[in-house]
Amino acid sequence: MTRTADLLRKVFVASRPISWPNTAFPFAAAYFLTAGVVDWKLVVGTLFFLIPYNAAMYGTNDVFDYESDLRNPRKGGVEGAVLDPSLHRPVLYLVWGSCVPFVIALVLGGGPWSWVVLAVSLFAVAAYSVAGLRFKEKPVLDSITSSTHFVSPALYGLVLAGWAPGGSAVVTPDDAAVGVSVLCAFFLWGMASHAFGAIQDILPDRAAGIDSIGTLLGSRVTLGLVLVCYTAAGVVLLVTGGPARWTGLLAIPYLLNVAPYLGVRDETSERTRPGWRRFLWLNYLTGFAVTLTMIGLSLGV
């Protein structure tokens, strides 16, 4: 019982509970705004993207990143666990096994397009970390894959709710344009966020022989890319029609969070860590603002 409790505790820490809403909320928002109902697919999908999905994503990462995590001072708290090798196999069995019943239910409740999106989403979760793929060690692809982790639940919510060829949802050209714009902006936000997080790990990643967008481009160029992507995400939303365009202003807090580190160098890259910690909490503030916007849209405000 003690070993089981310890395993569950380790998986809980590894799953980054602070980040759970970053995947569950996009799915739930996309599904509800498209389907307009609270049904079992919304509940099951939200629970899946809240816990099992994050446990699989981050638990797998902490298993295959064990060597580099030993050298990384930010591991062992809200930003991940340092998993003893004796726990690696049990962790992988537990986190991926917990996904199975949810995936079966969602497959039965969806159609071919939703199966494709779900498969891509789960592949991205595994490919980022597992040996032989290790997309996290392929600079630029690492940020693209990380962004897919967060955007794919939103796209899956749209498709599961019928936003696909032959689907049940009625999607006007204007609705489609807004949806695509939001997904594109979200993707740019995801790339920027991953790249910003990679800057603080430049030194430990180089020490461990791990390539990343940060180690390839260096701190200054990577930070410039972060600023460009956050700005582009905001602009994409602002030029989109409808009340939702004002959510583009939410890029401003992220830009202000990054701006103090414009003078950072590789040898001082770890100084960006406070900005990363602010970023983790900033997501709750912007998520609240997006929620208010959604409520206003649903009420026709």
Protein backbone atom coordinates (compact mmCIF):
# COMPACT_ATOMS: atom_id res chain seq x y z
CA MET A 1 0.00 0.00 0.00
CA THR A 2 2.87 2.36 0.86
CA ARG A 3 4.52 1.74 -2.52
CA THR A 4 1.22 2.31 -4.32
CA ALA A 5 0.63 5.55 -2.41
CA ASP A 6 4.15 6.69 -3.22
CA LEU A 7 3.63 5.90 -6.90
CA LEU A 8 0.37 7.84 -7.02
CA ARG A 9 2.00 10.78 -5.24
CA LYS A 10 4.88 10.81 -7.71
CA VAL A 11 2.52 10.64 -10.69
CA PHE A 12 0.47 13.48 -9.22
CA VAL A 13 3.57 15.68 -8.93
CA ALA A 14 4.77 14.63 -12.38
CA SER A 15 1.41 15.53 -13.96
CA ARG A 16 1.93 19.27 -13.14
CA PRO A 17 -1.52 19.92 -11.55
CA ILE A 18 -0.97 23.65 -11.98
CA SER A 19 -1.14 23.09 -15.74
CA TRP A 20 -4.19 20.81 -15.88
CA PRO A 21 -6.60 23.59 -16.94
CA ASN A 22 -4.37 24.43 -19.93
CA THR A 23 -5.60 21.32 -21.74
CA ALA A 24 -9.01 20.67 -20.16
CA PHE A 25 -10.35 24.20 -20.61
CA PRO A 26 -9.64 24.46 -24.38
CA PHE A 27 -11.46 21.17 -24.98
CA ALA A 28 -14.44 22.06 -22.80
CA ALA A 29 -14.76 25.56 -24.25
CA ALA A 30 -14.52 24.38 -27.85
CA TYR A 31 -16.98 21.54 -27.34
CA PHE A 32 -19.55 23.56 -25.42
CA LEU A 33 -19.49 26.56 -27.76
CA THR A 34 -19.97 24.22 -30.73
CA ALA A 35 -22.46 21.70 -29.34
CA GLY A 36 -24.24 24.05 -26.94
CA VAL A 37 -25.01 21.21 -24.53
CA VAL A 38 -23.53 19.58 -21.46
CA ASP A 39 -23.52 15.87 -22.23
CA TRP A 40 -21.47 12.82 -21.34
CA LYS A 41 -18.91 13.51 -24.08
CA LEU A 42 -18.21 16.95 -22.61
CA VAL A 43 -17.80 15.49 -19.12
CA VAL A 44 -15.67 12.51 -20.16
CA GLY A 45 -13.53 14.59 -22.51
CA THR A 46 -12.94 17.30 -19.91
CA LEU A 47 -11.93 14.75 -17.27
CA PHE A 48 -9.63 13.04 -19.77
CA PHE A 49 -7.83 16.22 -20.78
CA LEU A 50 -7.73 17.36 -17.16
CA ILE A 51 -5.91 14.42 -15.54
CA PRO A 52 -5.02 11.29 -17.59
CA TYR A 53 -3.81 13.33 -20.58
CA ASN A 54 -1.51 15.46 -18.42
CA ALA A 55 -0.33 12.45 -16.43
CA ALA A 56 0.61 10.69 -19.67
CA MET A 57 2.25 13.77 -21.17
CA TYR A 58 4.31 14.88 -18.19
CA GLY A 59 4.80 11.46 -16.60
CA THR A 60 6.32 10.15 -19.83
CA ASN A 61 8.49 13.26 -20.01
CA ASP A 62 9.80 12.79 -16.48
CA VAL A 63 10.62 9.14 -17.14
CA PHE A 64 12.67 9.79 -20.27
CA ASP A 65 14.18 13.03 -18.96
CA TYR A 66 15.49 11.48 -15.76
CA GLU A 67 19.18 12.10 -16.46
CA SER A 68 18.72 15.77 -17.36
CA ASP A 69 16.20 16.36 -14.56
CA LEU A 70 18.88 15.36 -12.04
CA ARG A 71 20.84 18.44 -13.19
CA ASN A 72 17.83 20.74 -13.38
CA PRO A 73 17.23 22.77 -10.19
CA ARG A 74 13.58 23.51 -11.04
CA LYS A 75 12.53 19.86 -10.98
CA GLY A 76 10.99 18.27 -7.93
CA GLY A 77 8.07 20.67 -7.35
CA VAL A 78 5.22 22.18 -9.36
CA GLU A 79 7.33 21.89 -12.53
CA GLY A 80 7.78 18.13 -12.45
CA ALA A 81 9.12 15.18 -10.50
CA VAL A 82 12.51 13.50 -10.46
CA LEU A 83 11.40 9.88 -10.80
CA ASP A 84 13.61 7.13 -9.44
CA PRO A 85 14.42 4.55 -12.16
CA SER A 86 12.61 1.87 -10.16
CA LEU A 87 9.38 3.80 -10.78
CA HIS A 88 9.79 4.32 -14.52
CA ARG A 89 7.99 1.22 -15.73
CA PRO A 90 5.14 1.43 -13.17
CA VAL A 91 4.65 5.13 -13.99
CA LEU A 92 4.36 4.44 -17.73
CA TYR A 93 1.90 1.59 -17.15
CA LEU A 94 -0.19 3.73 -14.81
CA VAL A 95 -0.35 6.95 -16.84
CA TRP A 96 -1.05 5.32 -20.18
CA GLY A 97 -3.33 2.71 -18.66
CA SER A 98 -5.43 5.49 -17.12
CA CYS A 99 -6.01 6.89 -20.61
CA VAL A 100 -7.44 3.67 -22.05
CA PRO A 101 -11.02 3.75 -20.71
CA PHE A 102 -11.42 7.42 -21.62
CA VAL A 103 -10.06 6.90 -25.13
CA ILE A 104 -12.37 3.91 -25.69
CA ALA A 105 -15.41 5.94 -24.58
CA LEU A 106 -14.45 8.94 -26.73
CA VAL A 107 -13.78 6.78 -29.78
CA LEU A 108 -17.20 5.17 -29.40
CA GLY A 109 -18.79 8.62 -29.06
CA GLY A 110 -17.01 10.17 -32.03
CA GLY A 111 -16.47 9.69 -35.72
CA PRO A 112 -13.52 9.24 -38.10
CA TRP A 113 -12.40 12.89 -37.99
CA SER A 114 -12.38 12.93 -34.21
CA TRP A 115 -10.41 9.68 -34.18
CA VAL A 116 -7.74 11.25 -36.38
CA VAL A 117 -7.41 14.35 -34.19
CA LEU A 118 -7.30 12.28 -31.00
CA ALA A 119 -4.66 9.98 -32.51
CA VAL A 120 -2.50 12.96 -33.53
CA SER A 121 -2.88 14.46 -30.06
CA LEU A 122 -1.80 11.28 -28.29
CA PHE A 123 1.03 10.70 -30.76
CA ALA A 124 2.35 14.20 -30.01
CA VAL A 125 2.21 13.44 -26.28
CA ALA A 126 4.34 10.31 -26.73
CA ALA A 127 6.62 11.58 -29.51
CA TYR A 128 7.78 14.56 -27.49
CA SER A 129 9.58 12.38 -24.95
CA VAL A 130 9.91 8.68 -25.81
CA ALA A 131 13.25 7.27 -26.92
CA GLY A 132 13.55 6.87 -30.67
CA LEU A 133 11.33 9.88 -31.38
CA ARG A 134 12.31 12.55 -28.83
CA PHE A 135 10.75 15.49 -30.67
CA LYS A 136 11.75 17.59 -27.66
CA GLU A 137 15.36 17.25 -28.85
CA LYS A 138 14.59 18.47 -32.36
CA PRO A 139 14.81 22.28 -32.22
CA VAL A 140 11.73 24.17 -33.44
CA LEU A 141 9.87 20.85 -33.78
CA ASP A 142 9.99 20.78 -29.98
CA SER A 143 7.98 24.01 -29.76
CA ILE A 144 5.61 22.90 -32.51
CA THR A 145 4.94 19.60 -30.73
CA SER A 146 4.50 21.27 -27.36
CA SER A 147 1.98 23.69 -28.84
CA THR A 148 0.13 20.73 -30.37
CA HIS A 149 -0.28 19.35 -26.86
CA PHE A 150 -2.49 22.33 -25.98
CA VAL A 151 -4.15 23.18 -29.28
CA SER A 152 -5.17 19.63 -30.22
CA PRO A 153 -7.64 19.30 -27.28
CA ALA A 154 -9.41 22.43 -28.55
CA LEU A 155 -9.49 21.11 -32.12
CA TYR A 156 -10.68 17.75 -30.82
CA GLY A 157 -13.50 19.47 -28.91
CA LEU A 158 -14.63 21.21 -32.11
CA VAL A 159 -14.53 18.03 -34.19
CA LEU A 160 -16.17 15.83 -31.53
CA ALA A 161 -19.00 18.35 -31.35
CA GLY A 162 -19.56 18.06 -35.10
CA TRP A 163 -17.28 20.78 -36.50
CA ALA A 164 -16.00 18.61 -39.37
CA PRO A 165 -16.95 17.55 -42.90
CA GLY A 166 -20.30 15.79 -42.61
CA GLY A 167 -20.57 16.76 -38.96
CA SER A 168 -23.75 17.70 -37.13
CA ALA A 169 -22.72 21.27 -36.26
CA VAL A 170 -23.96 24.14 -38.41
CA VAL A 171 -20.83 26.16 -39.21
CA THR A 172 -21.14 29.36 -41.21
CA PRO A 173 -18.16 30.74 -43.16
CA ASP A 174 -17.81 33.48 -40.52
CA ASP A 175 -17.81 30.88 -37.73
CA ALA A 176 -15.18 28.85 -39.56
CA ALA A 177 -12.98 31.92 -40.05
CA VAL A 178 -13.17 32.82 -36.37
CA GLY A 179 -12.49 29.24 -35.34
CA VAL A 180 -9.42 28.95 -37.55
CA SER A 181 -8.12 32.33 -36.34
CA VAL A 182 -8.50 31.33 -32.69
CA LEU A 183 -6.71 28.02 -33.28
CA CYS A 184 -3.87 29.76 -35.13
CA ALA A 185 -3.49 32.35 -32.37
CA PHE A 186 -3.56 29.61 -29.74
CA PHE A 187 -0.87 27.71 -31.65
CA LEU A 188 1.39 30.77 -31.80
CA TRP A 189 0.83 31.31 -28.06
CA GLY A 190 1.82 27.67 -27.42
CA MET A 191 5.02 27.95 -29.45
CA ALA A 192 5.98 31.19 -27.70
CA SER A 193 5.31 29.72 -24.27
CA HIS A 194 7.36 26.60 -24.89
CA ALA A 195 10.25 28.59 -26.32
CA PHE A 196 10.24 30.94 -23.33
CA GLY A 197 10.34 27.95 -20.98
CA ALA A 198 13.24 26.47 -22.93
CA ILE A 199 15.44 29.51 -22.24
CA GLN A 200 15.77 28.75 -18.51
CA ASP A 201 16.91 25.21 -19.37
CA ILE A 202 19.66 26.16 -21.83
CA LEU A 203 22.54 25.45 -19.43
CA PRO A 204 21.24 22.15 -17.94
CA ASP A 205 20.16 20.97 -21.41
CA ARG A 206 23.63 21.65 -22.84
CA ALA A 207 25.22 19.91 -19.87
CA ALA A 208 23.04 16.86 -20.56
CA GLY A 209 23.64 17.00 -24.33
CA ILE A 210 20.00 17.80 -25.07
CA ASP A 211 19.14 19.93 -28.08
CA SER A 212 16.24 22.38 -27.93
CA ILE A 213 15.04 25.54 -29.57
CA GLY A 214 16.86 27.39 -26.78
CA THR A 215 20.19 25.61 -27.18
CA LEU A 216 20.03 26.01 -30.98
CA LEU A 217 19.09 29.68 -31.22
CA GLY A 218 20.51 30.94 -27.95
CA SER A 219 18.67 32.99 -25.37
CA ARG A 220 18.51 36.32 -27.24
CA VAL A 221 17.20 34.96 -30.55
CA THR A 222 14.80 32.60 -28.78
CA LEU A 223 13.44 35.48 -26.72
CA GLY A 224 12.97 37.51 -29.91
CA LEU A 225 10.98 34.62 -31.39
CA VAL A 226 8.88 34.49 -28.23
CA LEU A 227 8.00 38.19 -28.57
CA VAL A 228 7.15 37.78 -32.27
CA CYS A 229 4.87 34.78 -31.64
CA TYR A 230 3.02 36.39 -28.72
CA THR A 231 2.54 39.58 -30.74
CA ALA A 232 1.37 37.65 -33.81
CA ALA A 233 -1.11 35.69 -31.67
CA GLY A 234 -2.63 38.94 -30.40
CA VAL A 235 -2.76 40.50 -33.88
CA VAL A 236 -4.42 37.43 -35.40
CA LEU A 237 -7.23 37.70 -32.86
CA LEU A 238 -7.56 41.48 -33.10
CA VAL A 239 -8.11 41.35 -36.86
CA THR A 240 -10.72 38.62 -36.44
CA GLY A 241 -14.31 39.83 -36.55
CA GLY A 242 -16.71 39.74 -33.66
CA PRO A 243 -16.42 40.38 -29.92
CA ALA A 244 -13.87 37.57 -29.53
CA ARG A 245 -11.26 39.73 -31.22
CA TRP A 246 -10.70 41.66 -28.00
CA THR A 247 -9.16 38.57 -26.44
CA GLY A 248 -6.16 39.49 -28.58
CA LEU A 249 -5.35 42.08 -25.91
CA LEU A 250 -4.54 39.17 -23.60
CA ALA A 251 -1.21 38.91 -25.40
CA ILE A 252 -0.12 42.10 -23.64
CA PRO A 253 0.42 40.56 -20.16
CA TYR A 254 2.57 37.83 -21.73
CA LEU A 255 4.64 40.42 -23.57
CA LEU A 256 5.09 42.42 -20.36
CA ASN A 257 6.14 39.24 -18.55
CA VAL A 258 8.84 38.51 -21.14
CA ALA A 259 10.08 42.07 -21.75
CA PRO A 260 12.32 42.36 -18.64
CA TYR A 261 14.57 39.61 -20.00
CA LEU A 262 15.50 41.23 -23.31
CA GLY A 263 19.10 41.58 -22.14
CA VAL A 264 19.48 37.95 -21.04
CA ARG A 265 22.49 35.95 -22.22
CA ASP A 266 23.01 32.20 -22.36
CA GLU A 267 25.19 32.29 -19.25
CA THR A 268 22.43 34.15 -17.35
CA SER A 269 19.48 32.33 -18.95
CA GLU A 270 18.39 30.83 -15.64
CA ARG A 271 17.38 34.34 -14.57
CA THR A 272 14.24 33.94 -16.68
CA ARG A 273 12.90 31.41 -14.17
CA PRO A 274 10.82 33.98 -12.21
CA GLY A 275 9.19 34.98 -15.49
CA TRP A 276 8.32 31.36 -16.17
CA ARG A 277 6.78 30.99 -12.75
CA ARG A 278 4.71 34.14 -13.35
CA PHE A 279 3.66 32.65 -16.68
CA LEU A 280 2.23 29.58 -14.93
CA TRP A 281 -0.06 31.77 -12.81
CA LEU A 282 -0.73 34.25 -15.61
CA ASN A 283 -2.56 31.50 -17.45
CA TYR A 284 -5.22 31.50 -14.74
CA LEU A 285 -5.80 35.23 -15.13
CA THR A 286 -6.13 35.05 -18.90
CA GLY A 287 -8.24 31.90 -18.60
CA PHE A 288 -10.64 33.82 -16.36
CA ALA A 289 -10.83 36.62 -18.93
CA VAL A 290 -11.53 34.14 -21.72
CA THR A 291 -14.24 32.53 -19.58
CA LEU A 292 -15.97 35.89 -19.11
CA THR A 293 -15.77 36.45 -22.88
CA MET A 294 -17.33 33.05 -23.51
CA ILE A 295 -20.17 33.80 -21.08
CA GLY A 296 -20.79 37.11 -22.82
CA LEU A 297 -20.85 35.45 -26.24
CA SER A 298 -23.24 32.73 -25.07
CA LEU A 299 -25.58 35.38 -23.65
CA GLY A 300 -25.33 37.47 -26.80
CA VAL A 301 -23.66 40.39 -24.97
